[in-house]
């Protein structure tokens, strides 16, 4: 009996983790709600009110973290925004290629002028 009481907190945490995973991985049907109710009843039967309170506190922390992650995901670009960014980057890449081609003659002319100046100074 003492061993069961010693394992009750761990069992509570494990069952809470199972319940959380089940919530995330399944839809909110009546069958799922009934299963959660059964798990809650088992938790209440096996753990003292103190352990249930501790478990509820941990569950609140997990819910807060899930809410934070959901809020962070809302700020990320969706599929359409990502596609528009890809198209814009492609256009910028082609414009940069054109600009690079236009700058090559200017760079070549600058090199020739530098060589001519160096020849005057040295020569």
PDB file of N, CA and C in Angstrom:
ATOM      1  N   UNK A   1       0.814  -1.195   0.000  1.00  0.00           N
ATOM      2  CA  UNK A   1       0.000   0.000   0.000  1.00  0.00           C
ATOM      3  C   UNK A   1       0.857   1.257   0.000  1.00  0.00           C
ATOM      4  N   UNK A   2       1.949   1.244   0.802  1.00  0.00           N
ATOM      5  CA  UNK A   2       2.855   2.395   0.831  1.00  0.00           C
ATOM      6  C   UNK A   2       3.546   2.574  -0.511  1.00  0.00           C
ATOM      7  N   UNK A   3       3.838   1.452  -1.163  1.00  0.00           N
ATOM      8  CA  UNK A   3       4.468   1.566  -2.489  1.00  0.00           C
ATOM      9  C   UNK A   3       3.510   2.204  -3.495  1.00  0.00           C
ATOM     10  N   UNK A   4       2.250   1.880  -3.389  1.00  0.00           N
ATOM     11  CA  UNK A   4       1.253   2.456  -4.284  1.00  0.00           C
ATOM     12  C   UNK A   4       1.153   3.964  -4.065  1.00  0.00           C
ATOM     13  N   UNK A   5       1.179   4.372  -2.812  1.00  0.00           N
ATOM     14  CA  UNK A   5       1.137   5.807  -2.522  1.00  0.00           C
ATOM     15  C   UNK A   5       2.400   6.512  -3.003  1.00  0.00           C
ATOM     16  N   UNK A   6       3.527   5.816  -2.957  1.00  0.00           N
ATOM     17  CA  UNK A   6       4.778   6.400  -3.432  1.00  0.00           C
ATOM     18  C   UNK A   6       4.753   6.561  -4.950  1.00  0.00           C
ATOM     19  N   UNK A   7       4.094   5.651  -5.648  1.00  0.00           N
ATOM     20  CA  UNK A   7       4.042   5.706  -7.115  1.00  0.00           C
ATOM     21  C   UNK A   7       2.897   6.568  -7.628  1.00  0.00           C
ATOM     22  N   UNK A   8       1.969   6.942  -6.774  1.00  0.00           N
ATOM     23  CA  UNK A   8       0.789   7.700  -7.202  1.00  0.00           C
ATOM     24  C   UNK A   8       1.146   9.018  -7.887  1.00  0.00           C
ATOM     25  N   UNK A   9       2.092   9.829  -7.352  1.00  0.00           N
ATOM     26  CA  UNK A   9       2.418  11.084  -8.062  1.00  0.00           C
ATOM     27  C   UNK A   9       2.974  10.847  -9.464  1.00  0.00           C
ATOM     28  N   UNK A  10       3.856   9.848  -9.575  1.00  0.00           N
ATOM     29  CA  UNK A  10       4.429   9.542 -10.897  1.00  0.00           C
ATOM     30  C   UNK A  10       3.342   9.050 -11.840  1.00  0.00           C
ATOM     31  N   UNK A  11       2.465   8.204 -11.320  1.00  0.00           N
ATOM     32  CA  UNK A  11       1.368   7.710 -12.134  1.00  0.00           C
ATOM     33  C   UNK A  11       0.468   8.856 -12.587  1.00  0.00           C
ATOM     34  N   UNK A  12       0.249   9.806 -11.701  1.00  0.00           N
ATOM     35  CA  UNK A  12      -0.573  10.964 -12.050  1.00  0.00           C
ATOM     36  C   UNK A  12       0.050  11.763 -13.183  1.00  0.00           C
ATOM     37  N   UNK A  13       1.344  11.995 -13.091  1.00  0.00           N
ATOM     38  CA  UNK A  13       2.040  12.760 -14.135  1.00  0.00           C
ATOM     39  C   UNK A  13       2.006  12.005 -15.465  1.00  0.00           C
ATOM     40  N   UNK A  14       2.222  10.703 -15.409  1.00  0.00           N
ATOM     41  CA  UNK A  14       2.201   9.895 -16.633  1.00  0.00           C
ATOM     42  C   UNK A  14       0.810   9.932 -17.262  1.00  0.00           C
ATOM     43  N   UNK A  15      -0.215   9.767 -16.447  1.00  0.00           N
ATOM     44  CA  UNK A  15      -1.573   9.807 -16.987  1.00  0.00           C
ATOM     45  C   UNK A  15      -1.919  11.177 -17.548  1.00  0.00           C
ATOM     46  N   UNK A  16      -1.433  12.232 -16.898  1.00  0.00           N
ATOM     47  CA  UNK A  16      -1.670  13.577 -17.429  1.00  0.00           C
ATOM     48  C   UNK A  16      -0.983  13.747 -18.779  1.00  0.00           C
ATOM     49  N   UNK A  17       0.230  13.224 -18.910  1.00  0.00           N
ATOM     50  CA  UNK A  17       0.936  13.294 -20.191  1.00  0.00           C
ATOM     51  C   UNK A  17       0.193  12.543 -21.276  1.00  0.00           C
ATOM     52  N   UNK A  18      -0.342  11.379 -20.921  1.00  0.00           N
ATOM     53  CA  UNK A  18      -1.131  10.596 -21.880  1.00  0.00           C
ATOM     54  C   UNK A  18      -2.372  11.373 -22.287  1.00  0.00           C
ATOM     55  N   UNK A  19      -3.019  12.001 -21.314  1.00  0.00           N
ATOM     56  CA  UNK A  19      -4.224  12.772 -21.619  1.00  0.00           C
ATOM     57  C   UNK A  19      -3.901  13.947 -22.542  1.00  0.00           C
ATOM     58  N   UNK A  20      -2.795  14.638 -22.285  1.00  0.00           N
ATOM     59  CA  UNK A  20      -2.398  15.759 -23.139  1.00  0.00           C
ATOM     60  C   UNK A  20      -2.093  15.292 -24.550  1.00  0.00           C
ATOM     61  N   UNK A  21      -1.342  14.205 -24.663  1.00  0.00           N
ATOM     62  CA  UNK A  21      -1.008  13.672 -25.985  1.00  0.00           C
ATOM     63  C   UNK A  21      -2.273  13.270 -26.729  1.00  0.00           C
ATOM     64  N   UNK A  22      -3.175  12.663 -26.027  1.00  0.00           N
ATOM     65  CA  UNK A  22      -4.414  12.221 -26.645  1.00  0.00           C
ATOM     66  C   UNK A  22      -5.235  13.415 -27.146  1.00  0.00           C
ATOM     67  N   UNK A  23      -5.225  14.493 -26.372  1.00  0.00           N
ATOM     68  CA  UNK A  23      -5.957  15.697 -26.767  1.00  0.00           C
ATOM     69  C   UNK A  23      -5.385  16.269 -28.052  1.00  0.00           C
ATOM     70  N   UNK A  24      -4.074  16.303 -28.130  1.00  0.00           N
ATOM     71  CA  UNK A  24      -3.426  16.882 -29.310  1.00  0.00           C
ATOM     72  C   UNK A  24      -3.613  16.006 -30.535  1.00  0.00           C
ATOM     73  N   UNK A  25      -3.578  14.682 -30.352  1.00  0.00           N
ATOM     74  CA  UNK A  25      -3.568  13.784 -31.510  1.00  0.00           C
ATOM     75  C   UNK A  25      -4.955  13.345 -31.975  1.00  0.00           C
ATOM     76  N   UNK A  26      -5.987  13.632 -31.232  1.00  0.00           N
ATOM     77  CA  UNK A  26      -7.314  13.165 -31.657  1.00  0.00           C
ATOM     78  C   UNK A  26      -8.298  14.325 -31.715  1.00  0.00           C
ATOM     79  N   UNK A  27      -9.413  14.087 -32.367  1.00  0.00           N
ATOM     80  CA  UNK A  27     -10.429  15.131 -32.440  1.00  0.00           C
ATOM     81  C   UNK A  27     -11.265  15.133 -31.165  1.00  0.00           C
ATOM     82  N   UNK A  28     -12.084  16.182 -31.014  1.00  0.00           N
ATOM     83  CA  UNK A  28     -12.887  16.353 -29.799  1.00  0.00           C
ATOM     84  C   UNK A  28     -14.263  15.686 -29.987  1.00  0.00           C
ATOM     85  N   UNK A  29     -14.280  14.390 -30.070  1.00  0.00           N
ATOM     86  CA  UNK A  29     -15.552  13.696 -30.237  1.00  0.00           C
ATOM     87  C   UNK A  29     -16.111  13.298 -28.876  1.00  0.00           C
ATOM     88  N   UNK A  30     -17.324  12.802 -28.872  1.00  0.00           N
ATOM     89  CA  UNK A  30     -17.940  12.356 -27.615  1.00  0.00           C
ATOM     90  C   UNK A  30     -17.166  11.182 -27.036  1.00  0.00           C
ATOM     91  N   UNK A  31     -16.702  10.315 -27.899  1.00  0.00           N
ATOM     92  CA  UNK A  31     -15.935   9.160 -27.431  1.00  0.00           C
ATOM     93  C   UNK A  31     -14.653   9.616 -26.745  1.00  0.00           C
ATOM     94  N   UNK A  32     -13.970  10.598 -27.324  1.00  0.00           N
ATOM     95  CA  UNK A  32     -12.752  11.129 -26.726  1.00  0.00           C
ATOM     96  C   UNK A  32     -13.054  11.789 -25.393  1.00  0.00           C
ATOM     97  N   UNK A  33     -14.142  12.547 -25.316  1.00  0.00           N
ATOM     98  CA  UNK A  33     -14.529  13.186 -24.056  1.00  0.00           C
ATOM     99  C   UNK A  33     -14.821  12.144 -22.988  1.00  0.00           C
ATOM    100  N   UNK A  34     -15.466  11.074 -23.369  1.00  0.00           N
ATOM    101  CA  UNK A  34     -15.763  10.010 -22.407  1.00  0.00           C
ATOM    102  C   UNK A  34     -14.482   9.363 -21.903  1.00  0.00           C
ATOM    103  N   UNK A  35     -13.529   9.179 -22.781  1.00  0.00           N
ATOM    104  CA  UNK A  35     -12.250   8.587 -22.372  1.00  0.00           C
ATOM    105  C   UNK A  35     -11.510   9.503 -21.406  1.00  0.00           C
ATOM    106  N   UNK A  36     -11.543  10.817 -21.666  1.00  0.00           N
ATOM    107  CA  UNK A  36     -10.901  11.755 -20.749  1.00  0.00           C
ATOM    108  C   UNK A  36     -11.575  11.735 -19.388  1.00  0.00           C
ATOM    109  N   UNK A  37     -12.880  11.623 -19.385  1.00  0.00           N
ATOM    110  CA  UNK A  37     -13.614  11.564 -18.119  1.00  0.00           C
ATOM    111  C   UNK A  37     -13.202  10.325 -17.335  1.00  0.00           C
ATOM    112  N   UNK A  38     -13.031   9.207 -18.012  1.00  0.00           N
ATOM    113  CA  UNK A  38     -12.604   7.976 -17.352  1.00  0.00           C
ATOM    114  C   UNK A  38     -11.196   8.129 -16.780  1.00  0.00           C
ATOM    115  N   UNK A  39     -10.308   8.759 -17.526  1.00  0.00           N
ATOM    116  CA  UNK A  39      -8.940   8.984 -17.034  1.00  0.00           C
ATOM    117  C   UNK A  39      -8.961   9.904 -15.820  1.00  0.00           C
ATOM    118  N   UNK A  40      -9.775  10.949 -15.873  1.00  0.00           N
ATOM    119  CA  UNK A  40      -9.892  11.852 -14.726  1.00  0.00           C
ATOM    120  C   UNK A  40     -10.403  11.113 -13.495  1.00  0.00           C
ATOM    121  N   UNK A  41     -11.393  10.247 -13.684  1.00  0.00           N
ATOM    122  CA  UNK A  41     -11.919   9.474 -12.559  1.00  0.00           C
ATOM    123  C   UNK A  41     -10.847   8.566 -11.966  1.00  0.00           C
ATOM    124  N   UNK A  42     -10.057   7.940 -12.837  1.00  0.00           N
ATOM    125  CA  UNK A  42      -8.966   7.082 -12.344  1.00  0.00           C
ATOM    126  C   UNK A  42      -7.935   7.898 -11.572  1.00  0.00           C
ATOM    127  N   UNK A  43      -7.619   9.076 -12.087  1.00  0.00           N
ATOM    128  CA  UNK A  43      -6.663   9.939 -11.390  1.00  0.00           C
ATOM    129  C   UNK A  43      -7.172  10.327 -10.014  1.00  0.00           C
ATOM    130  N   UNK A  44      -8.422  10.697  -9.931  1.00  0.00           N
ATOM    131  CA  UNK A  44      -8.999  11.095  -8.657  1.00  0.00           C
ATOM    132  C   UNK A  44      -9.053   9.922  -7.695  1.00  0.00           C
ATOM    133  N   UNK A  45      -9.276   8.731  -8.190  1.00  0.00           N
ATOM    134  CA  UNK A  45      -9.360   7.565  -7.325  1.00  0.00           C
ATOM    135  C   UNK A  45      -7.991   7.152  -6.796  1.00  0.00           C
ATOM    136  N   UNK A  46      -6.931   7.305  -7.590  1.00  0.00           N
ATOM    137  CA  UNK A  46      -5.612   6.814  -7.200  1.00  0.00           C
ATOM    138  C   UNK A  46      -4.753   7.840  -6.499  1.00  0.00           C
ATOM    139  N   UNK A  47      -5.016   9.113  -6.675  1.00  0.00           N
ATOM    140  CA  UNK A  47      -4.160  10.140  -6.092  1.00  0.00           C
ATOM    141  C   UNK A  47      -4.944  10.959  -5.078  1.00  0.00           C
ATOM    142  N   UNK A  48      -4.232  11.507  -4.132  1.00  0.00           N
ATOM    143  CA  UNK A  48      -4.882  12.365  -3.151  1.00  0.00           C
ATOM    144  C   UNK A  48      -5.179  13.714  -3.771  1.00  0.00           C
ATOM    145  N   UNK A  49      -5.968  14.531  -3.094  1.00  0.00           N
ATOM    146  CA  UNK A  49      -6.311  15.851  -3.613  1.00  0.00           C
ATOM    147  C   UNK A  49      -5.065  16.708  -3.793  1.00  0.00           C
ATOM    148  N   UNK A  50      -4.083  16.495  -2.932  1.00  0.00           N
ATOM    149  CA  UNK A  50      -2.839  17.269  -3.044  1.00  0.00           C
ATOM    150  C   UNK A  50      -2.133  16.959  -4.355  1.00  0.00           C
ATOM    151  N   UNK A  51      -2.097  15.684  -4.697  1.00  0.00           N
ATOM    152  CA  UNK A  51      -1.434  15.291  -5.943  1.00  0.00           C
ATOM    153  C   UNK A  51      -2.207  15.769  -7.158  1.00  0.00           C
ATOM    154  N   UNK A  52      -3.535  15.743  -7.041  1.00  0.00           N
ATOM    155  CA  UNK A  52      -4.354  16.233  -8.148  1.00  0.00           C
ATOM    156  C   UNK A  52      -4.105  17.720  -8.349  1.00  0.00           C
ATOM    157  N   UNK A  53      -3.984  18.465  -7.227  1.00  0.00           N
ATOM    158  CA  UNK A  53      -3.684  19.890  -7.323  1.00  0.00           C
ATOM    159  C   UNK A  53      -2.340  20.131  -7.973  1.00  0.00           C
ATOM    160  N   UNK A  54      -1.342  19.325  -7.604  1.00  0.00           N
ATOM    161  CA  UNK A  54      -0.016  19.431  -8.209  1.00  0.00           C
ATOM    162  C   UNK A  54      -0.086  19.130  -9.697  1.00  0.00           C
ATOM    163  N   UNK A  55      -0.837  18.084 -10.016  1.00  0.00           N
ATOM    164  CA  UNK A  55      -1.000  17.707 -11.421  1.00  0.00           C
ATOM    165  C   UNK A  55      -1.718  18.804 -12.200  1.00  0.00           C
ATOM    166  N   UNK A  56      -2.736  19.399 -11.594  1.00  0.00           N
ATOM    167  CA  UNK A  56      -3.471  20.482 -12.255  1.00  0.00           C
ATOM    168  C   UNK A  56      -2.547  21.673 -12.499  1.00  0.00           C
ATOM    169  N   UNK A  57      -1.663  21.959 -11.536  1.00  0.00           N
ATOM    170  CA  UNK A  57      -0.704  23.046 -11.715  1.00  0.00           C
ATOM    171  C   UNK A  57       0.239  22.772 -12.874  1.00  0.00           C
ATOM    172  N   UNK A  58       0.717  21.537 -12.960  1.00  0.00           N
ATOM    173  CA  UNK A  58       1.608  21.175 -14.073  1.00  0.00           C
ATOM    174  C   UNK A  58       0.866  21.228 -15.402  1.00  0.00           C
ATOM    175  N   UNK A  59      -0.382  20.807 -15.384  1.00  0.00           N
ATOM    176  CA  UNK A  59      -1.180  20.850 -16.609  1.00  0.00           C
ATOM    177  C   UNK A  59      -1.405  22.296 -17.047  1.00  0.00           C
ATOM    178  N   UNK A  60      -1.603  23.193 -16.083  1.00  0.00           N
ATOM    179  CA  UNK A  60      -1.737  24.617 -16.416  1.00  0.00           C
ATOM    180  C   UNK A  60      -0.480  25.145 -17.083  1.00  0.00           C
ATOM    181  N   UNK A  61       0.680  24.715 -16.578  1.00  0.00           N
ATOM    182  CA  UNK A  61       1.953  25.144 -17.170  1.00  0.00           C
ATOM    183  C   UNK A  61       2.050  24.658 -18.615  1.00  0.00           C
ATOM    184  N   UNK A  62       1.674  23.396 -18.839  1.00  0.00           N
ATOM    185  CA  UNK A  62       1.725  22.839 -20.202  1.00  0.00           C
ATOM    186  C   UNK A  62       0.759  23.587 -21.116  1.00  0.00           C
ATOM    187  N   UNK A  63      -0.430  23.886 -20.618  1.00  0.00           N
ATOM    188  CA  UNK A  63      -1.399  24.634 -21.425  1.00  0.00           C
ATOM    189  C   UNK A  63      -0.865  26.015 -21.775  1.00  0.00           C
ATOM    190  N   UNK A  64      -0.206  26.664 -20.813  1.00  0.00           N
ATOM    191  CA  UNK A  64       0.384  27.981 -21.086  1.00  0.00           C
ATOM    192  C   UNK A  64       1.441  27.882 -22.177  1.00  0.00           C
ATOM    193  N   UNK A  65       2.262  26.849 -22.116  1.00  0.00           N
ATOM    194  CA  UNK A  65       3.314  26.687 -23.126  1.00  0.00           C
ATOM    195  C   UNK A  65       2.721  26.415 -24.503  1.00  0.00           C
ATOM    196  N   UNK A  66       1.658  25.610 -24.551  1.00  0.00           N
ATOM    197  CA  UNK A  66       0.994  25.336 -25.827  1.00  0.00           C
ATOM    198  C   UNK A  66       0.403  26.621 -26.395  1.00  0.00           C
ATOM    199  N   UNK A  67      -0.177  27.451 -25.533  1.00  0.00           N
ATOM    200  CA  UNK A  67      -0.740  28.731 -25.972  1.00  0.00           C
ATOM    201  C   UNK A  67       0.352  29.635 -26.538  1.00  0.00           C
ATOM    202  N   UNK A  68       1.505  29.665 -25.880  1.00  0.00           N
ATOM    203  CA  UNK A  68       2.621  30.480 -26.365  1.00  0.00           C
ATOM    204  C   UNK A  68       3.063  30.000 -27.748  1.00  0.00           C
ATOM    205  N   UNK A  69       3.181  28.692 -27.915  1.00  0.00           N
ATOM    206  CA  UNK A  69       3.596  28.138 -29.214  1.00  0.00           C
ATOM    207  C   UNK A  69       2.554  28.472 -30.285  1.00  0.00           C
ATOM    208  N   UNK A  70       1.280  28.355 -29.951  1.00  0.00           N
ATOM    209  CA  UNK A  70       0.232  28.692 -30.921  1.00  0.00           C
ATOM    210  C   UNK A  70       0.316  30.161 -31.326  1.00  0.00           C
ATOM    211  N   UNK A  71       0.548  31.037 -30.363  1.00  0.00           N
ATOM    212  CA  UNK A  71       0.662  32.466 -30.680  1.00  0.00           C
ATOM    213  C   UNK A  71       1.887  32.737 -31.545  1.00  0.00           C
ATOM    214  N   UNK A  72       2.982  32.037 -31.294  1.00  0.00           N
ATOM    215  CA  UNK A  72       4.174  32.214 -32.123  1.00  0.00           C
ATOM    216  C   UNK A  72       3.906  31.737 -33.550  1.00  0.00           C
ATOM    217  N   UNK A  73       3.173  30.656 -33.692  1.00  0.00           N
ATOM    218  CA  UNK A  73       2.890  30.126 -35.022  1.00  0.00           C
ATOM    219  C   UNK A  73       1.971  31.049 -35.812  1.00  0.00           C
ATOM    220  N   UNK A  74       1.121  31.819 -35.134  1.00  0.00           N
ATOM    221  CA  UNK A  74       0.230  32.747 -35.835  1.00  0.00           C
ATOM    222  C   UNK A  74       1.007  33.828 -36.565  1.00  0.00           C
ATOM    223  N   UNK A  75       2.188  34.178 -36.067  1.00  0.00           N
ATOM    224  CA  UNK A  75       2.975  35.258 -36.660  1.00  0.00           C
ATOM    225  C   UNK A  75       3.831  34.796 -37.835  1.00  0.00           C
ATOM    226  N   UNK A  76       3.941  33.506 -38.042  1.00  0.00           N
ATOM    227  CA  UNK A  76       4.734  33.000 -39.162  1.00  0.00           C
ATOM    228  C   UNK A  76       3.954  33.168 -40.467  1.00  0.00           C
ATOM    229  N   UNK A  77       4.671  33.364 -41.565  1.00  0.00           N
ATOM    230  CA  UNK A  77       3.970  33.534 -42.845  1.00  0.00           C
ATOM    231  C   UNK A  77       3.279  32.238 -43.272  1.00  0.00           C
ATOM    232  N   UNK A  78       2.140  32.383 -43.926  1.00  0.00           N
ATOM    233  CA  UNK A  78       1.423  31.214 -44.412  1.00  0.00           C
ATOM    234  C   UNK A  78       1.989  30.780 -45.766  1.00  0.00           C
ATOM    235  N   UNK A  79       1.364  29.781 -46.348  1.00  0.00           N
ATOM    236  CA  UNK A  79       1.841  29.216 -47.614  1.00  0.00           C
ATOM    237  C   UNK A  79       1.848  30.264 -48.724  1.00  0.00           C
ATOM    238  N   UNK A  80       0.797  31.065 -48.806  1.00  0.00           N
ATOM    239  CA  UNK A  80       0.704  32.074 -49.862  1.00  0.00           C
ATOM    240  C   UNK A  80       1.757  33.164 -49.695  1.00  0.00           C
ATOM    241  N   UNK A  81       1.967  33.613 -48.465  1.00  0.00           N
ATOM    242  CA  UNK A  81       2.977  34.652 -48.217  1.00  0.00           C
ATOM    243  C   UNK A  81       4.369  34.124 -48.557  1.00  0.00           C
ATOM    244  N   UNK A  82       4.627  32.874 -48.202  1.00  0.00           N
ATOM    245  CA  UNK A  82       5.924  32.274 -48.527  1.00  0.00           C
ATOM    246  C   UNK A  82       6.110  32.194 -50.038  1.00  0.00           C
ATOM    247  N   UNK A  83       5.062  31.837 -50.753  1.00  0.00           N
ATOM    248  CA  UNK A  83       5.153  31.752 -52.216  1.00  0.00           C
ATOM    249  C   UNK A  83       5.422  33.129 -52.820  1.00  0.00           C
ATOM    250  N   UNK A  84       4.740  34.166 -52.308  1.00  0.00           N
ATOM    251  CA  UNK A  84       4.989  35.522 -52.808  1.00  0.00           C
ATOM    252  C   UNK A  84       6.430  35.944 -52.534  1.00  0.00           C
ATOM    253  N   UNK A  85       6.961  35.578 -51.369  1.00  0.00           N
ATOM    254  CA  UNK A  85       8.361  35.900 -51.062  1.00  0.00           C
ATOM    255  C   UNK A  85       9.312  35.200 -52.025  1.00  0.00           C
ATOM    256  N   UNK A  86       9.024  33.947 -52.352  1.00  0.00           N
ATOM    257  CA  UNK A  86       9.871  33.214 -53.302  1.00  0.00           C
ATOM    258  C   UNK A  86       9.859  33.894 -54.669  1.00  0.00           C
ATOM    259  N   UNK A  87       8.690  34.321 -55.118  1.00  0.00           N
ATOM    260  CA  UNK A  87       8.581  34.992 -56.415  1.00  0.00           C
ATOM    261  C   UNK A  87       9.356  36.306 -56.387  1.00  0.00           C
ATOM    262  N   UNK A  88       9.206  37.075 -55.305  1.00  0.00           N
ATOM    263  CA  UNK A  88       9.910  38.359 -55.194  1.00  0.00           C
ATOM    264  C   UNK A  88      11.417  38.141 -55.175  1.00  0.00           C
ATOM    265  N   UNK A  89      11.883  37.116 -54.478  1.00  0.00           N
ATOM    266  CA  UNK A  89      13.321  36.837 -54.451  1.00  0.00           C
ATOM    267  C   UNK A  89      13.825  36.433 -55.837  1.00  0.00           C
ATOM    268  N   UNK A  90      13.017  35.695 -56.586  1.00  0.00           N
ATOM    269  CA  UNK A  90      13.402  35.329 -57.952  1.00  0.00           C
ATOM    270  C   UNK A  90      13.541  36.553 -58.840  1.00  0.00           C
ATOM    271  N   UNK A  91      12.608  37.498 -58.709  1.00  0.00           N
ATOM    272  CA  UNK A  91      12.687  38.739 -59.490  1.00  0.00           C
ATOM    273  C   UNK A  91      13.924  39.546 -59.091  1.00  0.00           C
ATOM    274  N   UNK A  92      14.187  39.614 -57.794  1.00  0.00           N
ATOM    275  CA  UNK A  92      15.367  40.362 -57.335  1.00  0.00           C
ATOM    276  C   UNK A  92      16.648  39.718 -57.858  1.00  0.00           C
ATOM    277  N   UNK A  93      16.680  38.404 -57.906  1.00  0.00           N
ATOM    278  CA  UNK A  93      17.862  37.707 -58.402  1.00  0.00           C
ATOM    279  C   UNK A  93      18.104  38.033 -59.874  1.00  0.00           C
ATOM    280  N   UNK A  94      17.046  38.060 -60.673  1.00  0.00           N
ATOM    281  CA  UNK A  94      17.224  38.375 -62.098  1.00  0.00           C
ATOM    282  C   UNK A  94      17.647  39.834 -62.283  1.00  0.00           C
ATOM    283  N   UNK A  95      17.065  40.754 -61.483  1.00  0.00           N
ATOM    284  CA  UNK A  95      17.457  42.157 -61.560  1.00  0.00           C
ATOM    285  C   UNK A  95      18.911  42.342 -61.146  1.00  0.00           C
ATOM    286  N   UNK A  96      19.329  41.605 -60.128  1.00  0.00           N
ATOM    287  CA  UNK A  96      20.720  41.699 -59.674  1.00  0.00           C
ATOM    288  C   UNK A  96      21.664  41.183 -60.752  1.00  0.00           C
ATOM    289  N   UNK A  97      21.257  40.132 -61.463  1.00  0.00           N
ATOM    290  CA  UNK A  97      22.074  39.625 -62.565  1.00  0.00           C
ATOM    291  C   UNK A  97      22.211  40.657 -63.678  1.00  0.00           C
ATOM    292  N   UNK A  98      21.124  41.339 -64.007  1.00  0.00           N
ATOM    293  CA  UNK A  98      21.163  42.383 -65.039  1.00  0.00           C
ATOM    294  C   UNK A  98      22.064  43.532 -64.600  1.00  0.00           C
ATOM    295  N   UNK A  99      21.935  43.937 -63.335  1.00  0.00           N
ATOM    296  CA  UNK A  99      22.754  45.025 -62.810  1.00  0.00           C
ATOM    297  C   UNK A  99      24.233  44.648 -62.832  1.00  0.00           C
ATOM    298  N   UNK A 100      24.518  43.416 -62.504  1.00  0.00           N
ATOM    299  CA  UNK A 100      25.908  42.947 -62.522  1.00  0.00           C
ATOM    300  C   UNK A 100      26.491  43.029 -63.930  1.00  0.00           C
ATOM    301  N   UNK A 101      25.700  42.672 -64.918  1.00  0.00           N
ATOM    302  CA  UNK A 101      26.161  42.756 -66.303  1.00  0.00           C
ATOM    303  C   UNK A 101      26.390  44.210 -66.721  1.00  0.00           C
ATOM    304  N   UNK A 102      25.574  45.132 -66.225  1.00  0.00           N
ATOM    305  CA  UNK A 102      25.729  46.545 -66.577  1.00  0.00           C
ATOM    306  C   UNK A 102      26.952  47.155 -65.896  1.00  0.00           C
ATOM    307  N   UNK A 103      27.331  46.639 -64.745  1.00  0.00           N
ATOM    308  CA  UNK A 103      28.461  47.200 -63.994  1.00  0.00           C
ATOM    309  C   UNK A 103      29.798  46.692 -64.545  1.00  0.00           C
ATOM    310  N   UNK A 104      29.821  45.552 -65.198  1.00  0.00           N
ATOM    311  CA  UNK A 104      31.079  44.992 -65.709  1.00  0.00           C
ATOM    312  C   UNK A 104      31.845  45.956 -66.627  1.00  0.00           C
ATOM    313  N   UNK A 105      31.206  46.610 -67.604  1.00  0.00           N
ATOM    314  CA  UNK A 105      31.968  47.548 -68.452  1.00  0.00           C
ATOM    315  C   UNK A 105      32.518  48.733 -67.658  1.00  0.00           C
ATOM    316  N   UNK A 106      31.763  49.197 -66.672  1.00  0.00           N
ATOM    317  CA  UNK A 106      32.233  50.313 -65.856  1.00  0.00           C
ATOM    318  C   UNK A 106      33.444  49.884 -65.041  1.00  0.00           C
ATOM    319  N   UNK A 107      33.410  48.681 -64.505  1.00  0.00           N
ATOM    320  CA  UNK A 107      34.546  48.171 -63.732  1.00  0.00           C
ATOM    321  C   UNK A 107      35.766  48.007 -64.633  1.00  0.00           C
ATOM    322  N   UNK A 108      35.554  47.527 -65.843  1.00  0.00           N
ATOM    323  CA  UNK A 108      36.664  47.363 -66.793  1.00  0.00           C
ATOM    324  C   UNK A 108      37.266  48.725 -67.147  1.00  0.00           C
ATOM    325  N   UNK A 109      36.418  49.724 -67.379  1.00  0.00           N
ATOM    326  CA  UNK A 109      36.893  51.069 -67.700  1.00  0.00           C
ATOM    327  C   UNK A 109      37.667  51.657 -66.506  1.00  0.00           C
ATOM    328  N   UNK A 110      37.184  51.439 -65.296  1.00  0.00           N
ATOM    329  CA  UNK A 110      37.885  51.941 -64.113  1.00  0.00           C
ATOM    330  C   UNK A 110      39.262  51.291 -63.992  1.00  0.00           C
ATOM    331  N   UNK A 111      39.362  50.023 -64.294  1.00  0.00           N
ATOM    332  CA  UNK A 111      40.672  49.343 -64.258  1.00  0.00           C
ATOM    333  C   UNK A 111      41.632  49.919 -65.290  1.00  0.00           C
ATOM    334  N   UNK A 112      41.129  50.202 -66.491  1.00  0.00           N
ATOM    335  CA  UNK A 112      41.998  50.794 -67.523  1.00  0.00           C
ATOM    336  C   UNK A 112      42.459  52.183 -67.120  1.00  0.00           C
ATOM    337  N   UNK A 113      41.551  52.968 -66.514  1.00  0.00           N
ATOM    338  CA  UNK A 113      41.941  54.314 -66.075  1.00  0.00           C
ATOM    339  C   UNK A 113      42.984  54.235 -64.967  1.00  0.00           C
ATOM    340  N   UNK A 114      42.831  53.278 -64.065  1.00  0.00           N
ATOM    341  CA  UNK A 114      43.808  53.122 -62.984  1.00  0.00           C
ATOM    342  C   UNK A 114      45.173  52.732 -63.552  1.00  0.00           C
ATOM    343  N   UNK A 115      45.174  51.839 -64.520  1.00  0.00           N
ATOM    344  CA  UNK A 115      46.440  51.454 -65.139  1.00  0.00           C
ATOM    345  C   UNK A 115      47.092  52.646 -65.850  1.00  0.00           C
ATOM    346  N   UNK A 116      46.287  53.461 -66.542  1.00  0.00           N
ATOM    347  CA  UNK A 116      46.832  54.628 -67.246  1.00  0.00           C
ATOM    348  C   UNK A 116      47.412  55.631 -66.248  1.00  0.00           C
ATOM    349  N   UNK A 117      46.745  55.850 -65.148  1.00  0.00           N
ATOM    350  CA  UNK A 117      47.259  56.781 -64.129  1.00  0.00           C
ATOM    351  C   UNK A 117      48.559  56.245 -63.541  1.00  0.00           C
ATOM    352  N   UNK A 118      48.599  54.951 -63.258  1.00  0.00           N
ATOM    353  CA  UNK A 118      49.818  54.358 -62.708  1.00  0.00           C
ATOM    354  C   UNK A 118      50.963  54.454 -63.703  1.00  0.00           C
ATOM    355  N   UNK A 119      50.699  54.302 -64.993  1.00  0.00           N
ATOM    356  CA  UNK A 119      51.738  54.426 -65.999  1.00  0.00           C
ATOM    357  C   UNK A 119      52.282  55.849 -66.060  1.00  0.00           C
ATOM    358  N   UNK A 120      51.412  56.854 -65.941  1.00  0.00           N
ATOM    359  CA  UNK A 120      51.868  58.246 -65.942  1.00  0.00           C
ATOM    360  C   UNK A 120      52.722  58.521 -64.723  1.00  0.00           C
ATOM    361  N   UNK A 121      52.276  58.039 -63.554  1.00  0.00           N
ATOM    362  CA  UNK A 121      53.015  58.293 -62.319  1.00  0.00           C
ATOM    363  C   UNK A 121      54.349  57.551 -62.341  1.00  0.00           C
ATOM    364  N   UNK A 122      54.381  56.353 -62.777  1.00  0.00           N
ATOM    365  CA  UNK A 122      55.602  55.536 -62.765  1.00  0.00           C
ATOM    366  C   UNK A 122      56.500  55.853 -63.967  1.00  0.00           C
ATOM    367  N   UNK A 123      55.932  56.207 -64.986  1.00  0.00           N
ATOM    368  CA  UNK A 123      56.681  56.301 -66.216  1.00  0.00           C
ATOM    369  C   UNK A 123      57.194  57.582 -66.562  1.00  0.00           C
TER     370      UNK A 123
END
